[in-house]
Amino acid sequence: MKNIFVGNLSFGVTEDTLRALFETHGTVSRANIVTDRDTGQPRGFGFIEMSNDGEAEKAIAALNGVDLAGRTLNVNEARPKTERSGGGGGFGRKRW
């Protein structure tokens, strides 16, 4: 299973459009366009999961730099999600 990052998406691109684009290169397990938590609007990037690593590599090579809906796609293997440090809330060092 390979997870593929797709960046610089036009806000009009749907998950179905993205799935169809990648299915020309192999079997797509999942297509997801990331949306803003508060507004629900697309954030301009998404992820594709492909079960066959060879097909995924070919899709990355074929689709990186391709124009979709007037935007040049940035396609590469997704990096693993990093854990965020929780809590925070500080404003730096206290100055008394």
C-alpha atoms as a PDB file:
ATOM      1  CA  MET A   1       0.000   0.000   0.000  1.00  0.00           C
ATOM      2  CA  LYS A   2       1.431   3.347  -1.031  1.00  0.00           C
ATOM      3  CA  ASN A   3       0.075   6.708   0.087  1.00  0.00           C
ATOM      4  CA  ILE A   4       0.518   9.490  -2.487  1.00  0.00           C
ATOM      5  CA  PHE A   5       0.424  13.230  -1.767  1.00  0.00           C
ATOM      6  CA  VAL A   6      -1.216  15.392  -4.451  1.00  0.00           C
ATOM      7  CA  GLY A   7      -0.605  19.106  -4.016  1.00  0.00           C
ATOM      8  CA  ASN A   8      -1.569  22.333  -5.802  1.00  0.00           C
ATOM      9  CA  LEU A   9      -5.108  21.134  -6.527  1.00  0.00           C
ATOM     10  CA  SER A  10      -7.646  23.532  -7.935  1.00  0.00           C
ATOM     11  CA  PHE A  11     -10.449  24.105  -5.430  1.00  0.00           C
ATOM     12  CA  GLY A  12     -12.933  22.794  -8.026  1.00  0.00           C
ATOM     13  CA  VAL A  13     -11.358  19.332  -8.249  1.00  0.00           C
ATOM     14  CA  THR A  14     -13.438  16.579  -6.624  1.00  0.00           C
ATOM     15  CA  GLU A  15     -12.374  13.269  -5.101  1.00  0.00           C
ATOM     16  CA  ASP A  16     -14.048  11.511  -8.048  1.00  0.00           C
ATOM     17  CA  THR A  17     -11.987  13.546 -10.525  1.00  0.00           C
ATOM     18  CA  LEU A  18      -8.792  12.772  -8.627  1.00  0.00           C
ATOM     19  CA  ARG A  19      -9.665   9.064  -8.417  1.00  0.00           C
ATOM     20  CA  ALA A  20     -10.391   8.892 -12.159  1.00  0.00           C
ATOM     21  CA  LEU A  21      -7.057  10.565 -12.974  1.00  0.00           C
ATOM     22  CA  PHE A  22      -5.074   8.036 -10.926  1.00  0.00           C
ATOM     23  CA  GLU A  23      -7.138   5.016 -12.016  1.00  0.00           C
ATOM     24  CA  THR A  24      -5.685   5.399 -15.498  1.00  0.00           C
ATOM     25  CA  HIS A  25      -2.436   4.148 -13.906  1.00  0.00           C
ATOM     26  CA  GLY A  26      -3.788   1.410 -11.611  1.00  0.00           C
ATOM     27  CA  THR A  27      -6.196   0.473  -8.849  1.00  0.00           C
ATOM     28  CA  VAL A  28      -7.030   3.253  -6.389  1.00  0.00           C
ATOM     29  CA  SER A  29      -8.004   2.109  -2.888  1.00  0.00           C
ATOM     30  CA  ARG A  30      -8.939   5.557  -1.599  1.00  0.00           C
ATOM     31  CA  ALA A  31      -9.052   9.192  -2.741  1.00  0.00           C
ATOM     32  CA  ASN A  32      -9.271  12.023  -0.223  1.00  0.00           C
ATOM     33  CA  ILE A  33      -9.197  15.796  -0.654  1.00  0.00           C
ATOM     34  CA  VAL A  34      -8.355  17.572   2.605  1.00  0.00           C
ATOM     35  CA  THR A  35     -10.833  20.218   3.707  1.00  0.00           C
ATOM     36  CA  ASP A  36     -10.643  22.995   6.282  1.00  0.00           C
ATOM     37  CA  ARG A  37     -12.039  21.869   9.622  1.00  0.00           C
ATOM     38  CA  ASP A  38     -13.981  25.091  10.209  1.00  0.00           C
ATOM     39  CA  THR A  39     -15.238  26.085   6.750  1.00  0.00           C
ATOM     40  CA  GLY A  40     -15.353  22.735   4.942  1.00  0.00           C
ATOM     41  CA  GLN A  41     -13.591  24.324   1.961  1.00  0.00           C
ATOM     42  CA  PRO A  42     -10.870  22.328   0.129  1.00  0.00           C
ATOM     43  CA  ARG A  43      -7.327  23.163   1.245  1.00  0.00           C
ATOM     44  CA  GLY A  44      -5.725  22.514  -2.155  1.00  0.00           C
ATOM     45  CA  PHE A  45      -4.197  19.102  -1.520  1.00  0.00           C
ATOM     46  CA  GLY A  46      -5.213  15.499  -1.076  1.00  0.00           C
ATOM     47  CA  PHE A  47      -4.071  11.908  -0.848  1.00  0.00           C
ATOM     48  CA  ILE A  48      -4.437   8.805  -3.000  1.00  0.00           C
ATOM     49  CA  GLU A  49      -3.888   5.270  -1.715  1.00  0.00           C
ATOM     50  CA  MET A  50      -2.881   2.596  -4.200  1.00  0.00           C
ATOM     51  CA  SER A  51      -2.447  -1.030  -3.153  1.00  0.00           C
ATOM     52  CA  ASN A  52       0.126  -1.893  -5.826  1.00  0.00           C
ATOM     53  CA  ASP A  53       3.463  -0.139  -5.184  1.00  0.00           C
ATOM     54  CA  GLY A  54       4.569  -0.509  -8.809  1.00  0.00           C
ATOM     55  CA  GLU A  55       1.409   1.124 -10.136  1.00  0.00           C
ATOM     56  CA  ALA A  56       1.774   3.873  -7.546  1.00  0.00           C
ATOM     57  CA  GLU A  57       5.355   4.631  -8.608  1.00  0.00           C
ATOM     58  CA  LYS A  58       4.263   4.800 -12.259  1.00  0.00           C
ATOM     59  CA  ALA A  59       1.369   7.114 -11.359  1.00  0.00           C
ATOM     60  CA  ILE A  60       3.694   9.434  -9.420  1.00  0.00           C
ATOM     61  CA  ALA A  61       6.143   9.595 -12.320  1.00  0.00           C
ATOM     62  CA  ALA A  62       3.395  10.134 -14.900  1.00  0.00           C
ATOM     63  CA  LEU A  63       1.304  12.705 -13.035  1.00  0.00           C
ATOM     64  CA  ASN A  64       3.854  14.921 -11.275  1.00  0.00           C
ATOM     65  CA  GLY A  65       3.861  18.229 -13.158  1.00  0.00           C
ATOM     66  CA  VAL A  66       0.663  17.499 -15.111  1.00  0.00           C
ATOM     67  CA  ASP A  67      -1.875  20.314 -15.541  1.00  0.00           C
ATOM     68  CA  LEU A  68      -5.280  19.611 -13.963  1.00  0.00           C
ATOM     69  CA  ALA A  69      -7.959  22.308 -14.059  1.00  0.00           C
ATOM     70  CA  GLY A  70      -5.368  25.007 -14.708  1.00  0.00           C
ATOM     71  CA  ARG A  71      -2.976  24.012 -11.892  1.00  0.00           C
ATOM     72  CA  THR A  72       0.312  22.090 -12.143  1.00  0.00           C
ATOM     73  CA  LEU A  73       0.091  19.074  -9.840  1.00  0.00           C
ATOM     74  CA  ASN A  74       2.762  18.300  -7.264  1.00  0.00           C
ATOM     75  CA  VAL A  75       2.658  14.491  -6.874  1.00  0.00           C
ATOM     76  CA  ASN A  76       4.980  12.457  -4.655  1.00  0.00           C
ATOM     77  CA  GLU A  77       5.009   9.731  -2.042  1.00  0.00           C
ATOM     78  CA  ALA A  78       3.404  10.991   1.155  1.00  0.00           C
ATOM     79  CA  ARG A  79       5.614  11.259   4.209  1.00  0.00           C
ATOM     80  CA  PRO A  80       4.403   9.510   7.347  1.00  0.00           C
ATOM     81  CA  LYS A  81       2.275  11.712   9.564  1.00  0.00           C
ATOM     82  CA  THR A  82       4.343  13.094  12.427  1.00  0.00           C
ATOM     83  CA  GLU A  83       3.033  13.333  15.943  1.00  0.00           C
ATOM     84  CA  ARG A  84       2.337  16.882  17.049  1.00  0.00           C
ATOM     85  CA  SER A  85       3.389  17.889  20.496  1.00  0.00           C
ATOM     86  CA  GLY A  86       0.218  18.634  22.396  1.00  0.00           C
ATOM     87  CA  GLY A  87      -0.515  21.268  24.941  1.00  0.00           C
ATOM     88  CA  GLY A  88       1.476  24.269  23.847  1.00  0.00           C
ATOM     89  CA  GLY A  89      -0.450  27.369  24.641  1.00  0.00           C
ATOM     90  CA  GLY A  90       2.631  29.178  25.894  1.00  0.00           C
ATOM     91  CA  PHE A  91       3.774  32.517  24.633  1.00  0.00           C
ATOM     92  CA  GLY A  92       7.439  31.997  25.167  1.00  0.00           C
ATOM     93  CA  ARG A  93       9.503  32.906  28.187  1.00  0.00           C
ATOM     94  CA  LYS A  94       7.977  34.970  30.963  1.00  0.00           C
ATOM     95  CA  ARG A  95       9.487  38.386  31.347  1.00  0.00           C
ATOM     96  CA  TRP A  96       9.014  39.610  34.930  1.00  0.00           C
END
